[in-house]
Amino acid sequence: MKKLRLSIYLLFLQGFFLLYFAYQSGYYAVYVLFALLNFLLASGLSRENRTAVKASLIYKGIDLFLSVLYLMAGDVLSGISAAVDLLIVHDIIGYIQGIQAEEKSQ
């Protein structure tokens, strides 16, 4: 079964971006909290923890929804976040479908 490599890399990348935003702005607690959440979910996905897979799918689904709303409101840079979130959600859903197909064949 294929690993969630793309999701892991993109979660780490978003975590580093959030740490950079924390450094640039004055909202350290909020950005650092979400950066740590991204790092924890990425480490859980690397171990293929089912709870981490479900939590990251829900978290990135909500983040995708909010990014699309910001994009519709006129924030063009939210399109990058929406694209990254879409790739993560697509990778996780593909992984879940592969696991289900593997369990059905057994």
PDB file of N, CA and C in Angstrom:
ATOM      1  N   MET A   1       0.845  -1.184   0.000  1.00  0.00           N
ATOM      2  CA  MET A   1       0.000   0.000   0.000  1.00  0.00           C
ATOM      3  C   MET A   1       0.883   1.237   0.000  1.00  0.00           C
ATOM      4  N   LYS A   2       0.478   2.210  -0.759  1.00  0.00           N
ATOM      5  CA  LYS A   2       1.276   3.431  -0.851  1.00  0.00           C
ATOM      6  C   LYS A   2       1.153   4.245   0.436  1.00  0.00           C
ATOM      7  N   LYS A   3       2.215   4.885   0.751  1.00  0.00           N
ATOM      8  CA  LYS A   3       2.224   5.732   1.944  1.00  0.00           C
ATOM      9  C   LYS A   3       1.636   7.090   1.619  1.00  0.00           C
ATOM     10  N   LEU A   4       1.449   7.864   2.631  1.00  0.00           N
ATOM     11  CA  LEU A   4       0.902   9.215   2.504  1.00  0.00           C
ATOM     12  C   LEU A   4       2.029  10.235   2.400  1.00  0.00           C
ATOM     13  N   ARG A   5       2.984  10.007   1.510  1.00  0.00           N
ATOM     14  CA  ARG A   5       4.161  10.868   1.437  1.00  0.00           C
ATOM     15  C   ARG A   5       3.819  12.302   1.079  1.00  0.00           C
ATOM     16  N   LEU A   6       2.955  12.481   0.088  1.00  0.00           N
ATOM     17  CA  LEU A   6       2.601  13.831  -0.336  1.00  0.00           C
ATOM     18  C   LEU A   6       1.935  14.605   0.803  1.00  0.00           C
ATOM     19  N   SER A   7       1.029  13.958   1.510  1.00  0.00           N
ATOM     20  CA  SER A   7       0.350  14.615   2.631  1.00  0.00           C
ATOM     21  C   SER A   7       1.326  14.965   3.745  1.00  0.00           C
ATOM     22  N   ILE A   8       2.247  14.074   4.014  1.00  0.00           N
ATOM     23  CA  ILE A   8       3.227  14.318   5.077  1.00  0.00           C
ATOM     24  C   ILE A   8       4.100  15.512   4.724  1.00  0.00           C
ATOM     25  N   TYR A   9       4.609  15.536   3.504  1.00  0.00           N
ATOM     26  CA  TYR A   9       5.466  16.646   3.084  1.00  0.00           C
ATOM     27  C   TYR A   9       4.712  17.973   3.094  1.00  0.00           C
ATOM     28  N   LEU A  10       3.481  17.955   2.608  1.00  0.00           N
ATOM     29  CA  LEU A  10       2.722  19.203   2.540  1.00  0.00           C
ATOM     30  C   LEU A  10       2.311  19.694   3.927  1.00  0.00           C
ATOM     31  N   LEU A  11       2.022  18.775   4.851  1.00  0.00           N
ATOM     32  CA  LEU A  11       1.716  19.197   6.219  1.00  0.00           C
ATOM     33  C   LEU A  11       2.939  19.817   6.884  1.00  0.00           C
ATOM     34  N   PHE A  12       4.120  19.215   6.663  1.00  0.00           N
ATOM     35  CA  PHE A  12       5.336  19.823   7.194  1.00  0.00           C
ATOM     36  C   PHE A  12       5.583  21.186   6.564  1.00  0.00           C
ATOM     37  N   LEU A  13       5.347  21.318   5.269  1.00  0.00           N
ATOM     38  CA  LEU A  13       5.540  22.590   4.590  1.00  0.00           C
ATOM     39  C   LEU A  13       4.601  23.652   5.137  1.00  0.00           C
ATOM     40  N   GLN A  14       3.337  23.304   5.333  1.00  0.00           N
ATOM     41  CA  GLN A  14       2.407  24.269   5.907  1.00  0.00           C
ATOM     42  C   GLN A  14       2.770  24.619   7.342  1.00  0.00           C
ATOM     43  N   GLY A  15       3.306  23.655   8.081  1.00  0.00           N
ATOM     44  CA  GLY A  15       3.763  23.945   9.436  1.00  0.00           C
ATOM     45  C   GLY A  15       4.901  24.958   9.454  1.00  0.00           C
ATOM     46  N   PHE A  16       5.849  24.811   8.523  1.00  0.00           N
ATOM     47  CA  PHE A  16       6.939  25.783   8.437  1.00  0.00           C
ATOM     48  C   PHE A  16       6.438  27.150   7.999  1.00  0.00           C
ATOM     49  N   PHE A  17       5.478  27.173   7.070  1.00  0.00           N
ATOM     50  CA  PHE A  17       4.893  28.452   6.676  1.00  0.00           C
ATOM     51  C   PHE A  17       4.198  29.125   7.843  1.00  0.00           C
ATOM     52  N   LEU A  18       3.502  28.345   8.665  1.00  0.00           N
ATOM     53  CA  LEU A  18       2.829  28.919   9.824  1.00  0.00           C
ATOM     54  C   LEU A  18       3.830  29.455  10.843  1.00  0.00           C
ATOM     55  N   LEU A  19       4.959  28.774  10.996  1.00  0.00           N
ATOM     56  CA  LEU A  19       5.999  29.300  11.883  1.00  0.00           C
ATOM     57  C   LEU A  19       6.584  30.598  11.333  1.00  0.00           C
ATOM     58  N   TYR A  20       6.714  30.690  10.014  1.00  0.00           N
ATOM     59  CA  TYR A  20       7.189  31.929   9.398  1.00  0.00           C
ATOM     60  C   TYR A  20       6.180  33.057   9.612  1.00  0.00           C
ATOM     61  N   PHE A  21       4.886  32.756   9.452  1.00  0.00           N
ATOM     62  CA  PHE A  21       3.858  33.768   9.684  1.00  0.00           C
ATOM     63  C   PHE A  21       3.839  34.199  11.149  1.00  0.00           C
ATOM     64  N   ALA A  22       4.115  33.268  12.054  1.00  0.00           N
ATOM     65  CA  ALA A  22       4.181  33.624  13.475  1.00  0.00           C
ATOM     66  C   ALA A  22       5.344  34.577  13.725  1.00  0.00           C
ATOM     67  N   TYR A  23       6.447  34.353  13.024  1.00  0.00           N
ATOM     68  CA  TYR A  23       7.603  35.232  13.173  1.00  0.00           C
ATOM     69  C   TYR A  23       7.314  36.623  12.600  1.00  0.00           C
ATOM     70  N   GLN A  24       6.587  36.685  11.491  1.00  0.00           N
ATOM     71  CA  GLN A  24       6.306  37.952  10.834  1.00  0.00           C
ATOM     72  C   GLN A  24       5.238  38.777  11.553  1.00  0.00           C
ATOM     73  N   SER A  25       4.236  38.104  12.094  1.00  0.00           N
ATOM     74  CA  SER A  25       3.139  38.826  12.742  1.00  0.00           C
ATOM     75  C   SER A  25       3.289  38.746  14.262  1.00  0.00           C
ATOM     76  N   GLY A  26       2.365  39.363  14.940  1.00  0.00           N
ATOM     77  CA  GLY A  26       2.414  39.351  16.394  1.00  0.00           C
ATOM     78  C   GLY A  26       1.557  38.269  17.027  1.00  0.00           C
ATOM     79  N   TYR A  27       0.916  37.425  16.232  1.00  0.00           N
ATOM     80  CA  TYR A  27       0.019  36.392  16.741  1.00  0.00           C
ATOM     81  C   TYR A  27       0.770  35.077  16.914  1.00  0.00           C
ATOM     82  N   TYR A  28       1.690  35.063  17.844  1.00  0.00           N
ATOM     83  CA  TYR A  28       2.534  33.890  18.017  1.00  0.00           C
ATOM     84  C   TYR A  28       1.746  32.664  18.448  1.00  0.00           C
ATOM     85  N   ALA A  29       0.851  32.829  19.402  1.00  0.00           N
ATOM     86  CA  ALA A  29       0.164  31.676  19.982  1.00  0.00           C
ATOM     87  C   ALA A  29      -0.691  30.949  18.950  1.00  0.00           C
ATOM     88  N   VAL A  30      -1.407  31.687  18.134  1.00  0.00           N
ATOM     89  CA  VAL A  30      -2.320  31.065  17.171  1.00  0.00           C
ATOM     90  C   VAL A  30      -1.540  30.326  16.096  1.00  0.00           C
ATOM     91  N   TYR A  31      -0.568  30.979  15.486  1.00  0.00           N
ATOM     92  CA  TYR A  31       0.180  30.356  14.398  1.00  0.00           C
ATOM     93  C   TYR A  31       1.029  29.190  14.887  1.00  0.00           C
ATOM     94  N   VAL A  32       1.653  29.330  16.036  1.00  0.00           N
ATOM     95  CA  VAL A  32       2.484  28.254  16.564  1.00  0.00           C
ATOM     96  C   VAL A  32       1.625  27.058  16.948  1.00  0.00           C
ATOM     97  N   LEU A  33       0.436  27.301  17.468  1.00  0.00           N
ATOM     98  CA  LEU A  33      -0.468  26.211  17.818  1.00  0.00           C
ATOM     99  C   LEU A  33      -0.852  25.401  16.585  1.00  0.00           C
ATOM    100  N   PHE A  34      -1.223  26.077  15.512  1.00  0.00           N
ATOM    101  CA  PHE A  34      -1.591  25.365  14.300  1.00  0.00           C
ATOM    102  C   PHE A  34      -0.377  24.741  13.606  1.00  0.00           C
ATOM    103  N   ALA A  35       0.795  25.344  13.743  1.00  0.00           N
ATOM    104  CA  ALA A  35       2.010  24.734  13.206  1.00  0.00           C
ATOM    105  C   ALA A  35       2.312  23.429  13.942  1.00  0.00           C
ATOM    106  N   LEU A  36       2.178  23.439  15.261  1.00  0.00           N
ATOM    107  CA  LEU A  36       2.384  22.203  16.027  1.00  0.00           C
ATOM    108  C   LEU A  36       1.349  21.141  15.667  1.00  0.00           C
ATOM    109  N   LEU A  37       0.103  21.562  15.421  1.00  0.00           N
ATOM    110  CA  LEU A  37      -0.924  20.625  14.990  1.00  0.00           C
ATOM    111  C   LEU A  37      -0.557  20.002  13.648  1.00  0.00           C
ATOM    112  N   ASN A  38      -0.042  20.807  12.722  1.00  0.00           N
ATOM    113  CA  ASN A  38       0.392  20.264  11.432  1.00  0.00           C
ATOM    114  C   ASN A  38       1.531  19.273  11.611  1.00  0.00           C
ATOM    115  N   PHE A  39       2.503  19.597  12.467  1.00  0.00           N
ATOM    116  CA  PHE A  39       3.623  18.693  12.692  1.00  0.00           C
ATOM    117  C   PHE A  39       3.167  17.387  13.359  1.00  0.00           C
ATOM    118  N   LEU A  40       2.249  17.486  14.320  1.00  0.00           N
ATOM    119  CA  LEU A  40       1.743  16.282  14.982  1.00  0.00           C
ATOM    120  C   LEU A  40       0.960  15.396  14.019  1.00  0.00           C
ATOM    121  N   LEU A  41       0.146  16.015  13.185  1.00  0.00           N
ATOM    122  CA  LEU A  41      -0.615  15.229  12.208  1.00  0.00           C
ATOM    123  C   LEU A  41       0.303  14.597  11.166  1.00  0.00           C
ATOM    124  N   ALA A  42       1.343  15.301  10.770  1.00  0.00           N
ATOM    125  CA  ALA A  42       2.292  14.736   9.814  1.00  0.00           C
ATOM    126  C   ALA A  42       3.029  13.538  10.415  1.00  0.00           C
ATOM    127  N   SER A  43       3.401  13.641  11.682  1.00  0.00           N
ATOM    128  CA  SER A  43       4.067  12.503  12.318  1.00  0.00           C
ATOM    129  C   SER A  43       3.097  11.339  12.506  1.00  0.00           C
ATOM    130  N   GLY A  44       1.833  11.624  12.776  1.00  0.00           N
ATOM    131  CA  GLY A  44       0.836  10.562  12.874  1.00  0.00           C
ATOM    132  C   GLY A  44       0.575   9.898  11.531  1.00  0.00           C
ATOM    133  N   LEU A  45       0.592  10.675  10.466  1.00  0.00           N
ATOM    134  CA  LEU A  45       0.407  10.098   9.136  1.00  0.00           C
ATOM    135  C   LEU A  45       1.606   9.256   8.733  1.00  0.00           C
ATOM    136  N   SER A  46       2.791   9.627   9.180  1.00  0.00           N
ATOM    137  CA  SER A  46       3.975   8.835   8.838  1.00  0.00           C
ATOM    138  C   SER A  46       3.931   7.463   9.509  1.00  0.00           C
ATOM    139  N   ARG A  47       3.275   7.381  10.648  1.00  0.00           N
ATOM    140  CA  ARG A  47       3.108   6.092  11.333  1.00  0.00           C
ATOM    141  C   ARG A  47       1.821   5.390  10.928  1.00  0.00           C
ATOM    142  N   GLU A  48       1.051   6.006  10.023  1.00  0.00           N
ATOM    143  CA  GLU A  48      -0.227   5.491   9.525  1.00  0.00           C
ATOM    144  C   GLU A  48      -1.215   5.232  10.660  1.00  0.00           C
ATOM    145  N   ASN A  49      -1.271   6.148  11.586  1.00  0.00           N
ATOM    146  CA  ASN A  49      -2.209   6.078  12.701  1.00  0.00           C
ATOM    147  C   ASN A  49      -3.596   6.446  12.173  1.00  0.00           C
ATOM    148  N   ARG A  50      -4.579   5.585  12.424  1.00  0.00           N
ATOM    149  CA  ARG A  50      -5.927   5.808  11.889  1.00  0.00           C
ATOM    150  C   ARG A  50      -6.564   7.075  12.456  1.00  0.00           C
ATOM    151  N   THR A  51      -6.325   7.359  13.706  1.00  0.00           N
ATOM    152  CA  THR A  51      -6.882   8.566  14.306  1.00  0.00           C
ATOM    153  C   THR A  51      -6.274   9.815  13.676  1.00  0.00           C
ATOM    154  N   ALA A  52      -4.982   9.778  13.414  1.00  0.00           N
ATOM    155  CA  ALA A  52      -4.327  10.919  12.772  1.00  0.00           C
ATOM    156  C   ALA A  52      -4.820  11.096  11.341  1.00  0.00           C
ATOM    157  N   VAL A  53      -5.095  10.003  10.653  1.00  0.00           N
ATOM    158  CA  VAL A  53      -5.618  10.091   9.286  1.00  0.00           C
ATOM    159  C   VAL A  53      -6.998  10.740   9.298  1.00  0.00           C
ATOM    160  N   LYS A  54      -7.846  10.310  10.209  1.00  0.00           N
ATOM    161  CA  LYS A  54      -9.190  10.891  10.298  1.00  0.00           C
ATOM    162  C   LYS A  54      -9.146  12.351  10.727  1.00  0.00           C
ATOM    163  N   ALA A  55      -8.306  12.651  11.716  1.00  0.00           N
ATOM    164  CA  ALA A  55      -8.217  14.027  12.210  1.00  0.00           C
ATOM    165  C   ALA A  55      -7.653  14.962  11.147  1.00  0.00           C
ATOM    166  N   SER A  56      -6.649  14.511  10.412  1.00  0.00           N
ATOM    167  CA  SER A  56      -6.080  15.370   9.377  1.00  0.00           C
ATOM    168  C   SER A  56      -7.037  15.550   8.210  1.00  0.00           C
ATOM    169  N   LEU A  57      -7.841  14.543   7.903  1.00  0.00           N
ATOM    170  CA  LEU A  57      -8.845  14.696   6.848  1.00  0.00           C
ATOM    171  C   LEU A  57      -9.893  15.734   7.249  1.00  0.00           C
ATOM    172  N   ILE A  58     -10.341  15.684   8.481  1.00  0.00           N
ATOM    173  CA  ILE A  58     -11.329  16.664   8.955  1.00  0.00           C
ATOM    174  C   ILE A  58     -10.713  18.057   9.029  1.00  0.00           C
ATOM    175  N   TYR A  59      -9.507  18.160   9.581  1.00  0.00           N
ATOM    176  CA  TYR A  59      -8.833  19.452   9.732  1.00  0.00           C
ATOM    177  C   TYR A  59      -8.566  20.092   8.376  1.00  0.00           C
ATOM    178  N   LYS A  60      -8.064  19.324   7.434  1.00  0.00           N
ATOM    179  CA  LYS A  60      -7.756  19.878   6.126  1.00  0.00           C
ATOM    180  C   LYS A  60      -9.025  20.133   5.307  1.00  0.00           C
ATOM    181  N   GLY A  61     -10.081  19.394   5.556  1.00  0.00           N
ATOM    182  CA  GLY A  61     -11.356  19.687   4.901  1.00  0.00           C
ATOM    183  C   GLY A  61     -11.913  21.023   5.344  1.00  0.00           C
ATOM    184  N   ILE A  62     -11.854  21.291   6.630  1.00  0.00           N
ATOM    185  CA  ILE A  62     -12.311  22.589   7.149  1.00  0.00           C
ATOM    186  C   ILE A  62     -11.404  23.702   6.651  1.00  0.00           C
ATOM    187  N   ASP A  63     -10.100  23.455   6.633  1.00  0.00           N
ATOM    188  CA  ASP A  63      -9.148  24.452   6.151  1.00  0.00           C
ATOM    189  C   ASP A  63      -9.358  24.733   4.660  1.00  0.00           C
ATOM    190  N   LEU A  64      -9.674  23.708   3.887  1.00  0.00           N
ATOM    191  CA  LEU A  64      -9.969  23.890   2.463  1.00  0.00           C
ATOM    192  C   LEU A  64     -11.215  24.740   2.281  1.00  0.00           C
ATOM    193  N   PHE A  65     -12.240  24.464   3.060  1.00  0.00           N
ATOM    194  CA  PHE A  65     -13.480  25.243   2.979  1.00  0.00           C
ATOM    195  C   PHE A  65     -13.226  26.711   3.288  1.00  0.00           C
ATOM    196  N   LEU A  66     -12.480  26.978   4.359  1.00  0.00           N
ATOM    197  CA  LEU A  66     -12.199  28.364   4.732  1.00  0.00           C
ATOM    198  C   LEU A  66     -11.292  29.052   3.712  1.00  0.00           C
ATOM    199  N   SER A  67     -10.349  28.316   3.142  1.00  0.00           N
ATOM    200  CA  SER A  67      -9.483  28.899   2.122  1.00  0.00           C
ATOM    201  C   SER A  67     -10.268  29.269   0.874  1.00  0.00           C
ATOM    202  N   VAL A  68     -11.230  28.434   0.502  1.00  0.00           N
ATOM    203  CA  VAL A  68     -12.062  28.744  -0.660  1.00  0.00           C
ATOM    204  C   VAL A  68     -12.939  29.964  -0.370  1.00  0.00           C
ATOM    205  N   LEU A  69     -13.426  30.076   0.861  1.00  0.00           N
ATOM    206  CA  LEU A  69     -14.213  31.261   1.210  1.00  0.00           C
ATOM    207  C   LEU A  69     -13.372  32.534   1.137  1.00  0.00           C
ATOM    208  N   TYR A  70     -12.139  32.471   1.644  1.00  0.00           N
ATOM    209  CA  TYR A  70     -11.249  33.629   1.548  1.00  0.00           C
ATOM    210  C   TYR A  70     -10.913  33.940   0.096  1.00  0.00           C
ATOM    211  N   LEU A  71     -10.759  32.895  -0.712  1.00  0.00           N
ATOM    212  CA  LEU A  71     -10.485  33.098  -2.123  1.00  0.00           C
ATOM    213  C   LEU A  71     -11.656  33.778  -2.823  1.00  0.00           C
ATOM    214  N   MET A  72     -12.870  33.383  -2.464  1.00  0.00           N
ATOM    215  CA  MET A  72     -14.056  34.015  -3.039  1.00  0.00           C
ATOM    216  C   MET A  72     -14.200  35.461  -2.571  1.00  0.00           C
ATOM    217  N   ALA A  73     -13.696  35.765  -1.386  1.00  0.00           N
ATOM    218  CA  ALA A  73     -13.772  37.123  -0.860  1.00  0.00           C
ATOM    219  C   ALA A  73     -12.728  38.045  -1.472  1.00  0.00           C
ATOM    220  N   GLY A  74     -11.776  37.472  -2.221  1.00  0.00           N
ATOM    221  CA  GLY A  74     -10.821  38.309  -2.918  1.00  0.00           C
ATOM    222  C   GLY A  74      -9.379  38.154  -2.498  1.00  0.00           C
ATOM    223  N   ASP A  75      -9.099  37.299  -1.541  1.00  0.00           N
ATOM    224  CA  ASP A  75      -7.730  37.064  -1.114  1.00  0.00           C
ATOM    225  C   ASP A  75      -7.104  36.030  -2.048  1.00  0.00           C
ATOM    226  N   VAL A  76      -6.347  36.501  -3.020  1.00  0.00           N
ATOM    227  CA  VAL A  76      -5.819  35.630  -4.067  1.00  0.00           C
ATOM    228  C   VAL A  76      -4.796  34.635  -3.517  1.00  0.00           C
ATOM    229  N   LEU A  77      -4.037  35.025  -2.514  1.00  0.00           N
ATOM    230  CA  LEU A  77      -3.026  34.121  -1.956  1.00  0.00           C
ATOM    231  C   LEU A  77      -3.635  32.936  -1.213  1.00  0.00           C
ATOM    232  N   SER A  78      -4.908  33.016  -0.865  1.00  0.00           N
ATOM    233  CA  SER A  78      -5.571  31.862  -0.251  1.00  0.00           C
ATOM    234  C   SER A  78      -5.768  30.740  -1.255  1.00  0.00           C
ATOM    235  N   GLY A  79      -5.618  31.046  -2.534  1.00  0.00           N
ATOM    236  CA  GLY A  79      -5.695  30.012  -3.556  1.00  0.00           C
ATOM    237  C   GLY A  79      -4.559  29.007  -3.428  1.00  0.00           C
ATOM    238  N   ILE A  80      -3.399  29.463  -2.985  1.00  0.00           N
ATOM    239  CA  ILE A  80      -2.267  28.554  -2.773  1.00  0.00           C
ATOM    240  C   ILE A  80      -2.581  27.604  -1.629  1.00  0.00           C
ATOM    241  N   SER A  81      -3.099  28.145  -0.558  1.00  0.00           N
ATOM    242  CA  SER A  81      -3.474  27.310   0.584  1.00  0.00           C
ATOM    243  C   SER A  81      -4.584  26.331   0.206  1.00  0.00           C
ATOM    244  N   ALA A  82      -5.538  26.795  -0.594  1.00  0.00           N
ATOM    245  CA  ALA A  82      -6.624  25.922  -1.029  1.00  0.00           C
ATOM    246  C   ALA A  82      -6.096  24.796  -1.905  1.00  0.00           C
ATOM    247  N   ALA A  83      -5.139  25.100  -2.780  1.00  0.00           N
ATOM    248  CA  ALA A  83      -4.572  24.059  -3.648  1.00  0.00           C
ATOM    249  C   ALA A  83      -3.805  23.019  -2.835  1.00  0.00           C
ATOM    250  N   VAL A  84      -3.042  23.467  -1.855  1.00  0.00           N
ATOM    251  CA  VAL A  84      -2.293  22.542  -1.004  1.00  0.00           C
ATOM    252  C   VAL A  84      -3.253  21.683  -0.180  1.00  0.00           C
ATOM    253  N   ASP A  85      -4.294  22.302   0.363  1.00  0.00           N
ATOM    254  CA  ASP A  85      -5.283  21.554   1.131  1.00  0.00           C
ATOM    255  C   ASP A  85      -6.011  20.543   0.261  1.00  0.00           C
ATOM    256  N   LEU A  86      -6.304  20.914  -0.984  1.00  0.00           N
ATOM    257  CA  LEU A  86      -6.964  19.991  -1.901  1.00  0.00           C
ATOM    258  C   LEU A  86      -6.075  18.787  -2.208  1.00  0.00           C
ATOM    259  N   LEU A  87      -4.780  19.024  -2.382  1.00  0.00           N
ATOM    260  CA  LEU A  87      -3.857  17.908  -2.613  1.00  0.00           C
ATOM    261  C   LEU A  87      -3.787  16.977  -1.404  1.00  0.00           C
ATOM    262  N   ILE A  88      -3.776  17.544  -0.214  1.00  0.00           N
ATOM    263  CA  ILE A  88      -3.725  16.722   0.996  1.00  0.00           C
ATOM    264  C   ILE A  88      -4.993  15.890   1.134  1.00  0.00           C
ATOM    265  N   VAL A  89      -6.155  16.520   0.951  1.00  0.00           N
ATOM    266  CA  VAL A  89      -7.426  15.804   1.069  1.00  0.00           C
ATOM    267  C   VAL A  89      -7.518  14.712   0.008  1.00  0.00           C
ATOM    268  N   HIS A  90      -7.079  15.009  -1.207  1.00  0.00           N
ATOM    269  CA  HIS A  90      -7.118  14.006  -2.280  1.00  0.00           C
ATOM    270  C   HIS A  90      -6.218  12.822  -1.961  1.00  0.00           C
ATOM    271  N   ASP A  91      -5.035  13.084  -1.424  1.00  0.00           N
ATOM    272  CA  ASP A  91      -4.107  12.015  -1.076  1.00  0.00           C
ATOM    273  C   ASP A  91      -4.666  11.142   0.045  1.00  0.00           C
ATOM    274  N   ILE A  92      -5.264  11.760   1.036  1.00  0.00           N
ATOM    275  CA  ILE A  92      -5.813  10.988   2.161  1.00  0.00           C
ATOM    276  C   ILE A  92      -7.015  10.155   1.722  1.00  0.00           C
ATOM    277  N   ILE A  93      -7.886  10.728   0.900  1.00  0.00           N
ATOM    278  CA  ILE A  93      -9.050   9.973   0.422  1.00  0.00           C
ATOM    279  C   ILE A  93      -8.602   8.804  -0.449  1.00  0.00           C
ATOM    280  N   GLY A  94      -7.597   9.012  -1.296  1.00  0.00           N
ATOM    281  CA  GLY A  94      -7.058   7.914  -2.094  1.00  0.00           C
ATOM    282  C   GLY A  94      -6.470   6.816  -1.233  1.00  0.00           C
ATOM    283  N   TYR A  95      -5.799   7.198  -0.152  1.00  0.00           N
ATOM    284  CA  TYR A  95      -5.237   6.226   0.781  1.00  0.00           C
ATOM    285  C   TYR A  95      -6.344   5.415   1.450  1.00  0.00           C
ATOM    286  N   ILE A  96      -7.399   6.096   1.887  1.00  0.00           N
ATOM    287  CA  ILE A  96      -8.510   5.400   2.545  1.00  0.00           C
ATOM    288  C   ILE A  96      -9.199   4.452   1.574  1.00  0.00           C
ATOM    289  N   GLN A  97      -9.389   4.863   0.321  1.00  0.00           N
ATOM    290  CA  GLN A  97     -10.006   3.986  -0.671  1.00  0.00           C
ATOM    291  C   GLN A  97      -9.123   2.774  -0.946  1.00  0.00           C
ATOM    292  N   GLY A  98      -7.809   2.972  -0.979  1.00  0.00           N
ATOM    293  CA  GLY A  98      -6.908   1.845  -1.169  1.00  0.00           C
ATOM    294  C   GLY A  98      -6.949   0.856  -0.019  1.00  0.00           C
ATOM    295  N   ILE A  99      -7.040   1.364   1.197  1.00  0.00           N
ATOM    296  CA  ILE A  99      -7.148   0.492   2.370  1.00  0.00           C
ATOM    297  C   ILE A  99      -8.446  -0.305   2.328  1.00  0.00           C
ATOM    298  N   GLN A 100      -9.547   0.341   1.966  1.00  0.00           N
ATOM    299  CA  GLN A 100     -10.824  -0.354   1.887  1.00  0.00           C
ATOM    300  C   GLN A 100     -10.835  -1.408   0.798  1.00  0.00           C
ATOM    301  N   ALA A 101     -10.231  -1.125  -0.341  1.00  0.00           N
ATOM    302  CA  ALA A 101     -10.149  -2.114  -1.422  1.00  0.00           C
ATOM    303  C   ALA A 101      -9.287  -3.294  -1.001  1.00  0.00           C
ATOM    304  N   GLU A 102      -8.225  -3.013  -0.261  1.00  0.00           N
ATOM    305  CA  GLU A 102      -7.343  -4.073   0.212  1.00  0.00           C
ATOM    306  C   GLU A 102      -8.064  -4.959   1.237  1.00  0.00           C
ATOM    307  N   GLU A 103      -8.858  -4.344   2.108  1.00  0.00           N
ATOM    308  CA  GLU A 103      -9.589  -5.128   3.104  1.00  0.00           C
ATOM    309  C   GLU A 103     -10.713  -5.944   2.460  1.00  0.00           C
ATOM    310  N   LYS A 104     -11.328  -5.446   1.391  1.00  0.00           N
ATOM    311  CA  LYS A 104     -12.382  -6.190   0.703  1.00  0.00           C
ATOM    312  C   LYS A 104     -11.830  -7.423  -0.011  1.00  0.00           C
ATOM    313  N   SER A 105     -10.611  -7.301  -0.554  1.00  0.00           N
ATOM    314  CA  SER A 105     -10.035  -8.413  -1.303  1.00  0.00           C
ATOM    315  C   SER A 105      -9.574  -9.549  -0.384  1.00  0.00           C
ATOM    316  N   GLN A 106      -9.427  -9.275   0.877  1.00  0.00           N
ATOM    317  CA  GLN A 106      -8.969 -10.339   1.803  1.00  0.00           C
ATOM    318  C   GLN A 106     -10.094 -11.163   2.328  1.00  0.00           C
TER     319      GLN A 106
END
